[in-house]
Protein backbone atom coordinates (compact mmCIF):
# COMPACT_ATOMS: atom_id res chain seq x y z
CA MET A 1 -11.43 5.01 15.91
CA GLN A 2 -11.27 1.34 16.81
CA SER A 3 -10.47 0.24 20.34
CA ASN A 4 -6.92 0.50 21.63
CA ASP A 5 -7.78 -1.71 24.63
CA THR A 6 -4.81 -4.06 24.94
CA THR A 7 -7.10 -6.77 26.35
CA VAL A 8 -8.80 -7.04 22.96
CA LYS A 9 -7.60 -10.13 21.14
CA LYS A 10 -5.59 -9.31 18.02
CA SER A 11 -5.24 -11.51 14.98
CA LEU A 12 -1.42 -11.56 14.94
CA GLN A 13 -0.61 -10.62 18.53
CA THR A 14 1.78 -13.53 19.13
CA LEU A 15 4.04 -12.70 16.17
CA ARG A 16 7.28 -10.76 16.08
CA VAL A 17 8.38 -9.30 12.74
CA LEU A 18 11.91 -8.11 12.06
CA ASP A 19 11.47 -5.43 9.41
CA LEU A 20 14.59 -4.66 7.38
CA SER A 21 12.60 -2.96 4.63
CA ARG A 22 12.32 0.72 3.80
CA VAL A 23 10.56 3.12 1.43
CA LEU A 24 7.05 1.81 0.58
CA ALA A 25 6.31 -1.80 -0.42
CA GLY A 26 7.85 -3.43 2.65
CA PRO A 27 6.74 -0.79 5.19
CA TYR A 28 3.19 -0.91 3.77
CA CYS A 29 3.19 -4.66 4.38
CA THR A 30 4.56 -4.38 7.92
CA GLN A 31 2.14 -1.60 8.85
CA MET A 32 -0.72 -3.94 7.91
CA LEU A 33 0.79 -6.69 10.05
CA GLY A 34 1.27 -4.21 12.89
CA ASP A 35 -2.33 -3.01 12.67
CA LEU A 36 -3.35 -6.66 13.05
CA GLY A 37 -1.36 -6.96 16.27
CA ALA A 38 2.08 -8.23 15.28
CA GLU A 39 5.09 -6.68 17.00
CA ILE A 40 7.08 -4.88 14.30
CA ILE A 41 10.74 -4.14 15.02
CA LYS A 42 11.81 -1.73 12.31
CA ILE A 43 15.57 -1.88 11.75
CA GLU A 44 16.95 1.43 10.48
CA ARG A 45 20.36 2.82 9.61
CA PRO A 46 21.85 5.00 12.35
CA GLY A 47 22.02 8.62 11.29
CA ALA A 48 19.78 8.27 8.25
CA GLY A 49 16.95 5.83 8.85
CA ASP A 50 14.28 5.01 6.34
CA ASP A 51 14.78 6.98 3.12
CA THR A 52 11.21 8.28 3.23
CA ARG A 53 11.78 10.19 6.48
CA LEU A 54 13.14 13.03 4.33
CA TRP A 55 10.85 12.62 1.30
CA GLY A 56 9.10 15.95 1.70
CA PRO A 57 7.76 18.52 2.16
CA PRO A 58 5.32 18.33 3.81
CA PHE A 59 6.82 17.38 7.16
CA LEU A 60 5.35 17.00 10.62
CA LYS A 61 5.74 20.25 12.58
CA ASP A 62 7.10 20.36 16.11
CA ALA A 63 5.81 22.55 18.96
CA HIS A 64 7.71 25.54 17.54
CA GLY A 65 6.30 25.14 14.03
CA ASN A 66 9.57 23.77 12.64
CA ASP A 67 9.88 20.81 10.28
CA THR A 68 10.80 17.52 11.95
CA HIS A 69 12.49 14.59 10.18
CA GLU A 70 9.12 12.87 9.77
CA SER A 71 7.68 13.45 6.30
CA ALA A 72 4.03 12.87 5.42
CA TYR A 73 5.28 9.99 3.24
CA TYR A 74 6.99 8.31 6.20
CA LEU A 75 4.07 8.92 8.55
CA SER A 76 1.64 7.25 6.13
CA ILE A 77 3.19 3.76 6.41
CA ASN A 78 5.02 3.42 9.71
CA ARG A 79 2.58 3.32 12.62
CA ASN A 80 2.52 0.37 15.01
CA LYS A 81 6.28 -0.13 14.72
CA LYS A 82 9.30 0.14 16.99
CA SER A 83 12.33 1.88 15.50
CA VAL A 84 15.65 0.23 16.36
CA ALA A 85 18.68 1.88 14.76
CA VAL A 86 21.37 -0.75 14.07
CA ASP A 87 24.23 -0.69 11.57
CA ILE A 88 24.04 -4.12 9.95
CA LYS A 89 27.30 -3.49 8.12
CA THR A 90 29.15 -4.07 11.40
CA LYS A 91 29.78 -7.48 12.94
CA GLU A 92 28.21 -6.30 16.18
CA GLY A 93 25.13 -5.10 14.27
CA GLN A 94 24.83 -8.43 12.50
CA GLN A 95 25.08 -10.18 15.84
CA ILE A 96 22.19 -8.07 17.15
CA ILE A 97 20.06 -9.11 14.16
CA HIS A 98 20.85 -12.78 14.81
CA GLN A 99 19.91 -12.38 18.45
CA LEU A 100 16.62 -10.79 17.48
CA LEU A 101 15.96 -13.57 14.96
CA GLU A 102 16.06 -16.12 17.74
CA SER A 103 12.68 -14.82 18.93
CA SER A 104 11.28 -13.57 15.59
CA ASP A 105 8.75 -15.27 13.35
CA ILE A 106 9.17 -13.24 10.17
CA LEU A 107 11.94 -11.26 8.48
CA ILE A 108 11.00 -8.80 5.74
CA GLU A 109 13.60 -7.12 3.53
CA ASN A 110 13.78 -5.24 0.25
CA PHE A 111 17.49 -5.13 -0.50
CA LYS A 112 18.62 -5.98 -4.02
CA ALA A 113 18.65 -9.72 -4.68
CA GLY A 114 21.54 -11.15 -2.69
CA GLY A 115 22.14 -7.83 -0.96
CA LEU A 116 21.88 -9.19 2.58
CA ALA A 117 24.10 -12.19 1.89
CA LYS A 118 27.25 -10.08 2.29
CA TYR A 119 26.17 -9.42 5.87
CA GLY A 120 25.46 -13.08 6.55
CA LEU A 121 21.72 -12.39 6.53
CA GLY A 122 20.61 -13.98 3.26
CA TYR A 123 17.89 -16.61 3.31
CA ALA A 124 20.28 -19.43 2.42
CA GLN A 125 22.47 -18.43 5.39
CA LEU A 126 19.58 -18.29 7.85
CA LYS A 127 17.14 -21.05 6.88
CA ASP A 128 18.94 -23.92 8.62
CA LYS A 129 19.75 -21.93 11.75
CA TYR A 130 16.16 -20.66 12.03
CA PRO A 131 14.05 -23.38 10.35
CA LYS A 132 10.73 -21.83 11.38
CA LEU A 133 11.62 -18.39 10.03
CA ILE A 134 9.40 -16.93 7.32
CA TYR A 135 11.69 -14.79 5.15
CA CYS A 136 9.99 -12.34 2.77
CA SER A 137 12.13 -10.71 0.07
CA ILE A 138 10.70 -7.80 -1.92
CA THR A 139 12.61 -6.73 -5.02
CA GLY A 140 12.01 -5.07 -8.36
CA PHE A 141 12.40 -8.20 -10.47
CA GLY A 142 12.52 -11.19 -8.12
CA GLN A 143 15.25 -13.50 -6.90
CA SER A 144 15.81 -15.13 -10.30
CA GLY A 145 15.95 -14.18 -13.96
CA PRO A 146 18.22 -11.96 -16.09
CA LEU A 147 17.23 -8.76 -14.25
CA ALA A 148 17.22 -10.19 -10.72
CA GLU A 149 20.23 -8.20 -9.52
CA GLU A 150 19.02 -4.87 -10.91
CA PRO A 151 17.49 -2.26 -8.60
CA GLY A 152 13.77 -1.67 -9.03
CA TYR A 153 11.51 1.24 -8.20
CA ASP A 154 7.78 1.78 -8.51
CA LEU A 155 8.04 3.96 -11.63
CA MET A 156 10.11 1.30 -13.38
CA ALA A 157 7.61 -1.40 -12.39
CA GLN A 158 4.65 0.64 -13.65
CA ALA A 159 6.46 1.12 -16.95
CA MET A 160 7.93 -2.36 -17.43
CA GLY A 161 4.92 -4.19 -16.04
CA GLY A 162 2.51 -2.63 -18.56
CA LEU A 163 0.56 -0.32 -16.24
CA MET A 164 1.74 2.95 -17.81
CA ALA A 165 0.94 1.76 -21.32
CA VAL A 166 -2.75 1.37 -20.45
CA THR A 167 -2.97 4.57 -18.36
CA GLY A 168 -3.54 8.02 -19.82
CA GLU A 169 -5.55 9.59 -22.60
CA PRO A 170 -5.76 7.67 -25.90
CA ASP A 171 -3.70 10.20 -27.84
CA GLY A 172 -1.52 11.28 -24.93
CA ALA A 173 1.67 9.98 -23.39
CA PRO A 174 1.72 6.85 -21.23
CA MET A 175 0.98 7.92 -17.67
CA LYS A 176 1.93 6.57 -14.26
CA VAL A 177 -0.78 6.21 -11.64
CA GLY A 178 -0.84 9.14 -9.21
CA VAL A 179 0.28 7.02 -6.25
CA ALA A 180 3.08 4.42 -6.18
CA LEU A 181 0.60 1.67 -6.94
CA SER A 182 3.14 -1.02 -7.89
CA ASP A 183 4.70 -0.67 -4.44
CA ILE A 184 1.31 -0.85 -2.74
CA ILE A 185 0.21 -3.89 -4.72
CA THR A 186 3.50 -5.61 -3.95
CA GLY A 187 3.08 -4.85 -0.24
CA LEU A 188 -0.37 -6.40 -0.34
CA ASN A 189 0.92 -9.52 -2.11
CA ALA A 190 3.75 -9.79 0.41
CA THR A 191 1.20 -9.70 3.23
CA ILE A 192 -0.88 -12.42 1.58
CA GLY A 193 2.21 -14.56 1.07
CA ILE A 194 3.22 -14.14 4.71
CA LEU A 195 -0.23 -15.15 5.96
CA ALA A 196 -0.16 -18.23 3.69
CA ALA A 197 3.32 -19.15 4.94
CA LEU A 198 2.16 -18.77 8.54
CA HIS A 199 -0.66 -21.24 7.90
CA HIS A 200 1.78 -23.67 6.30
CA ARG A 201 4.12 -23.33 9.29
CA GLU A 202 1.26 -24.01 11.65
CA GLN A 203 0.64 -27.31 9.86
CA THR A 204 4.27 -28.38 9.32
CA GLY A 205 6.56 -26.31 11.55
CA GLU A 206 8.46 -25.16 8.44
CA GLY A 207 9.40 -21.64 7.50
CA GLN A 208 10.02 -20.66 3.90
CA LEU A 209 11.16 -17.96 1.49
CA ILE A 210 8.57 -15.62 -0.02
CA ASP A 211 9.83 -13.99 -3.22
CA VAL A 212 7.70 -11.08 -4.48
CA ALA A 213 8.65 -8.67 -7.24
CA LEU A 214 7.25 -5.29 -8.21
CA VAL A 215 7.06 -6.15 -11.92
CA ASP A 216 5.35 -9.50 -11.27
CA CYS A 217 2.78 -7.91 -8.98
CA THR A 218 2.13 -5.05 -11.38
CA LEU A 219 1.53 -7.41 -14.29
CA ALA A 220 -0.72 -9.66 -12.22
CA SER A 221 -2.76 -6.63 -11.14
CA LEU A 222 -3.63 -5.82 -14.75
CA THR A 223 -5.96 -8.86 -14.74
CA ASN A 224 -8.46 -8.37 -17.58
CA LEU A 225 -6.16 -6.03 -19.53
CA ALA A 226 -3.32 -8.56 -19.43
CA GLN A 227 -5.80 -11.28 -20.40
CA TYR A 228 -7.10 -9.04 -23.19
CA TYR A 229 -3.70 -9.45 -24.84
CA LEU A 230 -3.38 -13.17 -24.10
CA THR A 231 -6.84 -13.82 -25.56
CA SER A 232 -6.78 -11.51 -28.58
CA GLY A 233 -3.08 -11.23 -29.33
CA LYS A 234 -3.41 -7.44 -29.26
CA PRO A 235 -2.63 -4.99 -26.46
CA ALA A 236 -5.70 -3.41 -24.87
CA PRO A 237 -6.16 0.17 -26.08
CA ARG A 238 -5.38 3.08 -23.78
CA LEU A 239 -8.73 4.77 -23.14
CA GLY A 240 -8.11 7.38 -20.48
CA ASN A 241 -11.01 7.31 -18.02
CA ALA A 242 -12.99 4.87 -20.15
CA HIS A 243 -13.06 1.07 -19.94
CA SER A 244 -11.77 -1.27 -22.62
CA THR A 245 -14.70 -3.71 -22.50
CA ILE A 246 -17.60 -1.92 -20.72
CA VAL A 247 -19.59 1.10 -21.99
CA PRO A 248 -20.53 3.53 -20.47
CA TYR A 249 -17.95 3.17 -17.72
CA GLN A 250 -15.95 6.38 -17.46
CA ALA A 251 -15.76 9.99 -16.32
CA PHE A 252 -18.01 12.62 -17.90
CA ALA A 253 -17.82 16.41 -17.74
CA VAL A 254 -20.89 18.05 -16.19
CA LYS A 255 -21.86 21.65 -15.56
CA ASP A 256 -19.54 22.15 -12.58
CA GLY A 257 -16.90 19.41 -12.84
CA TYR A 258 -16.86 15.68 -13.43
CA ILE A 259 -18.77 12.58 -12.44
CA VAL A 260 -18.22 8.91 -13.13
CA VAL A 261 -20.84 6.58 -14.55
CA ALA A 262 -20.20 2.86 -14.05
CA VAL A 263 -22.92 1.00 -15.92
CA GLY A 264 -22.18 -2.70 -15.61
CA ASN A 265 -25.15 -4.40 -17.32
CA ASN A 266 -28.01 -3.81 -19.74
CA GLU A 267 -30.63 -3.25 -17.03
CA GLN A 268 -28.55 -0.49 -15.51
CA PHE A 269 -28.10 1.04 -18.94
CA ALA A 270 -31.86 1.12 -19.47
CA ARG A 271 -32.32 2.92 -16.14
CA PHE A 272 -29.52 5.31 -17.01
CA CYS A 273 -31.14 6.17 -20.33
CA ALA A 274 -34.46 6.85 -18.61
CA MET A 275 -32.70 8.99 -16.00
CA ILE A 276 -31.14 11.30 -18.59
CA GLY A 277 -34.40 11.52 -20.53
CA LYS A 278 -33.37 9.26 -23.41
CA PRO A 279 -35.26 5.98 -22.81
CA GLU A 280 -35.25 5.18 -26.51
CA TRP A 281 -31.49 4.58 -26.47
CA ALA A 282 -31.97 1.37 -24.47
CA GLY A 283 -34.02 -0.10 -27.34
CA ASP A 284 -31.62 1.05 -30.06
CA ALA A 285 -29.89 -2.02 -31.52
CA ARG A 286 -26.58 -0.14 -31.55
CA PHE A 287 -26.68 0.27 -27.77
CA SER A 288 -29.02 -2.38 -26.34
CA THR A 289 -26.20 -4.79 -25.38
CA ASN A 290 -22.81 -4.11 -23.89
CA LYS A 291 -21.10 -5.73 -26.88
CA ASN A 292 -22.81 -3.32 -29.23
CA ARG A 293 -22.14 -0.37 -26.95
CA VAL A 294 -18.44 -1.21 -27.03
CA LEU A 295 -18.50 -1.50 -30.82
CA ASN A 296 -20.41 1.79 -31.13
CA ARG A 297 -18.57 3.64 -28.39
CA ALA A 298 -17.59 6.52 -30.68
CA THR A 299 -21.26 7.21 -31.42
CA LEU A 300 -22.74 6.71 -27.96
CA ILE A 301 -20.26 8.55 -25.75
CA PRO A 302 -20.68 11.99 -27.39
CA MET A 303 -24.46 11.59 -27.06
CA ILE A 304 -24.12 10.90 -23.33
CA GLU A 305 -21.68 13.79 -22.91
CA GLU A 306 -24.19 16.18 -24.46
CA ALA A 307 -26.99 14.92 -22.22
CA LEU A 308 -24.99 15.24 -18.99
CA LYS A 309 -23.37 18.63 -19.42
CA SER A 310 -26.56 20.60 -18.68
CA GLN A 311 -26.70 19.69 -14.95
CA THR A 312 -24.35 19.79 -11.97
CA SER A 313 -22.45 16.99 -10.33
CA GLY A 314 -24.71 17.10 -7.27
CA TYR A 315 -27.82 16.81 -9.41
CA TRP A 316 -26.61 13.76 -11.35
CA VAL A 317 -25.21 12.00 -8.27
CA GLU A 318 -28.57 12.37 -6.52
CA MET A 319 -30.37 11.10 -9.62
CA MET A 320 -28.07 8.07 -9.92
CA LEU A 321 -28.58 7.18 -6.27
CA ALA A 322 -32.35 7.35 -6.71
CA ALA A 323 -32.23 5.22 -9.87
CA ASP A 324 -29.76 2.67 -8.41
CA ILE A 325 -27.15 3.43 -11.04
CA PRO A 326 -23.49 3.04 -10.01
CA GLY A 327 -21.68 6.36 -10.19
CA GLY A 328 -20.45 9.25 -8.14
CA PRO A 329 -18.49 12.48 -7.95
CA VAL A 330 -14.78 12.82 -8.75
CA ASN A 331 -13.63 13.97 -5.33
CA THR A 332 -10.51 15.86 -4.38
CA MET A 333 -8.78 14.65 -1.22
CA ASP A 334 -10.41 17.27 1.02
CA GLN A 335 -13.80 16.19 -0.31
CA VAL A 336 -12.93 12.52 0.25
CA PHE A 337 -12.23 13.00 3.96
CA ALA A 338 -15.36 15.14 4.36
CA THR A 339 -17.57 12.40 2.91
CA PRO A 340 -20.00 10.99 5.52
CA GLN A 341 -19.32 7.44 4.34
CA VAL A 342 -15.56 7.82 4.75
CA ARG A 343 -16.00 9.37 8.19
CA HIS A 344 -18.41 6.62 9.24
CA ARG A 345 -15.87 3.98 8.20
CA GLU A 346 -13.20 5.65 10.38
CA MET A 347 -10.75 6.09 7.53
CA GLU A 348 -9.27 9.12 9.29
CA ILE A 349 -7.73 8.49 12.70
CA SER A 350 -5.73 10.54 15.21
CA MET A 351 -2.70 9.50 17.25
CA GLY A 352 -0.40 11.30 19.63
CA HIS A 353 3.19 11.82 18.48
CA ILE A 354 6.17 12.73 20.66
CA GLN A 355 7.24 15.53 18.31
CA SER A 356 3.83 17.08 17.75
CA PRO A 357 1.99 19.32 20.24
CA GLN A 358 -1.34 17.91 19.09
CA PRO A 359 -2.50 14.51 17.76
CA ILE A 360 -1.56 13.81 14.17
CA LYS A 361 -4.06 12.63 11.59
CA LEU A 362 -3.43 9.36 9.73
CA VAL A 363 -5.28 7.23 7.20
CA GLY A 364 -7.10 4.40 8.95
CA SER A 365 -6.95 0.71 8.10
CA PRO A 366 -9.52 -0.63 5.60
CA LEU A 367 -9.63 -3.95 7.48
CA LYS A 368 -12.80 -4.31 9.55
CA LEU A 369 -12.70 -7.54 11.57
CA SER A 370 -15.56 -8.35 13.92
CA GLN A 371 -13.67 -10.43 16.50
CA THR A 372 -10.08 -9.18 16.21
CA PRO A 373 -10.28 -5.54 15.14
CA VAL A 374 -7.19 -3.65 14.12
CA SER A 375 -5.65 -1.39 16.74
CA TYR A 376 -3.62 1.80 16.62
CA GLU A 377 -1.18 1.78 19.51
CA LEU A 378 2.16 3.14 18.32
CA SER A 379 2.45 6.32 16.31
CA PRO A 380 5.15 6.38 13.60
CA PRO A 381 8.41 6.37 15.58
CA ILE A 382 11.29 8.79 15.35
CA LEU A 383 14.61 7.22 14.37
CA GLY A 384 15.93 4.96 17.13
CA GLN A 385 13.00 5.69 19.41
CA ASP A 386 12.86 2.09 20.63
CA THR A 387 16.51 1.03 20.34
CA GLN A 388 17.17 1.02 24.06
CA ASP A 389 13.83 -0.50 25.07
CA VAL A 390 14.03 -3.40 22.59
CA LEU A 391 17.70 -4.22 23.16
CA GLU A 392 17.26 -4.09 26.94
CA LYS A 393 14.06 -6.09 27.13
CA VAL A 394 14.45 -8.55 24.24
CA LEU A 395 18.23 -9.08 24.20
CA LYS A 396 18.87 -8.25 27.88
CA LEU A 397 21.77 -5.95 26.99
CA SER A 398 23.08 -3.89 29.88
CA ALA A 399 23.19 -0.11 29.99
CA ASP A 400 27.00 -0.23 29.79
CA ARG A 401 26.88 -2.45 26.70
CA LEU A 402 24.39 -0.13 25.01
CA ASP A 403 26.67 2.80 25.75
CA GLU A 404 29.59 0.92 24.16
CA LEU A 405 27.60 0.02 21.06
CA GLU A 406 26.39 3.57 20.60
CA LYS A 407 29.91 4.96 21.04
CA GLU A 408 31.13 2.55 18.35
CA GLY A 409 28.36 3.67 15.97
CA VAL A 410 26.68 0.26 15.93
CA ILE A 411 23.38 1.56 17.32
CA GLU A 412 21.63 4.88 17.76
CA ARG A 413 19.25 5.81 20.55
CA ALA A 414 16.79 8.62 19.96
CA LYS A 415 16.85 11.68 22.14
CA VAL A 416 13.20 11.32 23.14
CA PRO A 417 11.69 14.61 24.38
């Protein structure tokens, strides 16, 4: 686990982010910014909070073994944040948001296009009042176009953006990716856009609107498969675990499961052929170049399948490592976290949580920075955990005023154990 020493310089430690997003794309983005040191104030609905809090089971267990309101889904993307429960539908709630914006650098939201305008919190309503504000809007289809006002979810983006059409077995149904990848990719693009806007602001003093859409990001992520169509005029074929333009580059059944072989050039193919006891294949004109291997895929792949099925996954993985051939086992999640490489890279971390009698396990950050390492300081908060602290310290609201706001349903303060 990387250092939690607060004296360690953090990449984004001077930034305050007002996070009005929920579910996955926005929270994934703000967790990355929080890991890098930004202060993330997560605005949630009183009484309900982020939708994903109840997207389970599984849920975090309390000291009595009972389910809490923190699902595994919610826990995965909400560390390093402060939960402030404010009803932005009320005038008082909107006033609190404006007061927080006075000291915020970034606002992130994923309401439907124009959804925040009815609360006086749209970009057009804020940009002149807060000229340095970086305003990131995450939607299904973007802020413009015929579908701009329609709601968008990851499954829709995977389908409409082309990802499902290229995923799955050749003769099977189109298949979504096992994780909400369109949301994740959009969160990553939002983070990149925010960092670019911060650099621009540093040079000019100007904030700006960042408009990212799930469908746009999904399509852009298809890279060579999207270009396959633009270059050839034909959609790339759906090939299951195989690759449209590289052979052999796919999963193969072995004696006790599956492995992947990722041969990327002719030299690797020659070593692969020698490894499986078929050195003559590398000199066969049908297979000696990648172009010919792609054209003769239907002949070559069954030959490789037959050669590999006699030995175990462990045997072939060891052989590939020795021969410097890219490949590896198809791991289940328990096997992933037991892998020495994953453990060495600190991709599993532990943090204390106020509702759990023991530290909870979380997925670590993949960002490894030598001078400003990521830090893990705040475990995923319960709803309204930081309402009182933030409104007292940042907005200087009195205890009496907080009591009034809570009585009126404008805010919610967590009953922290």
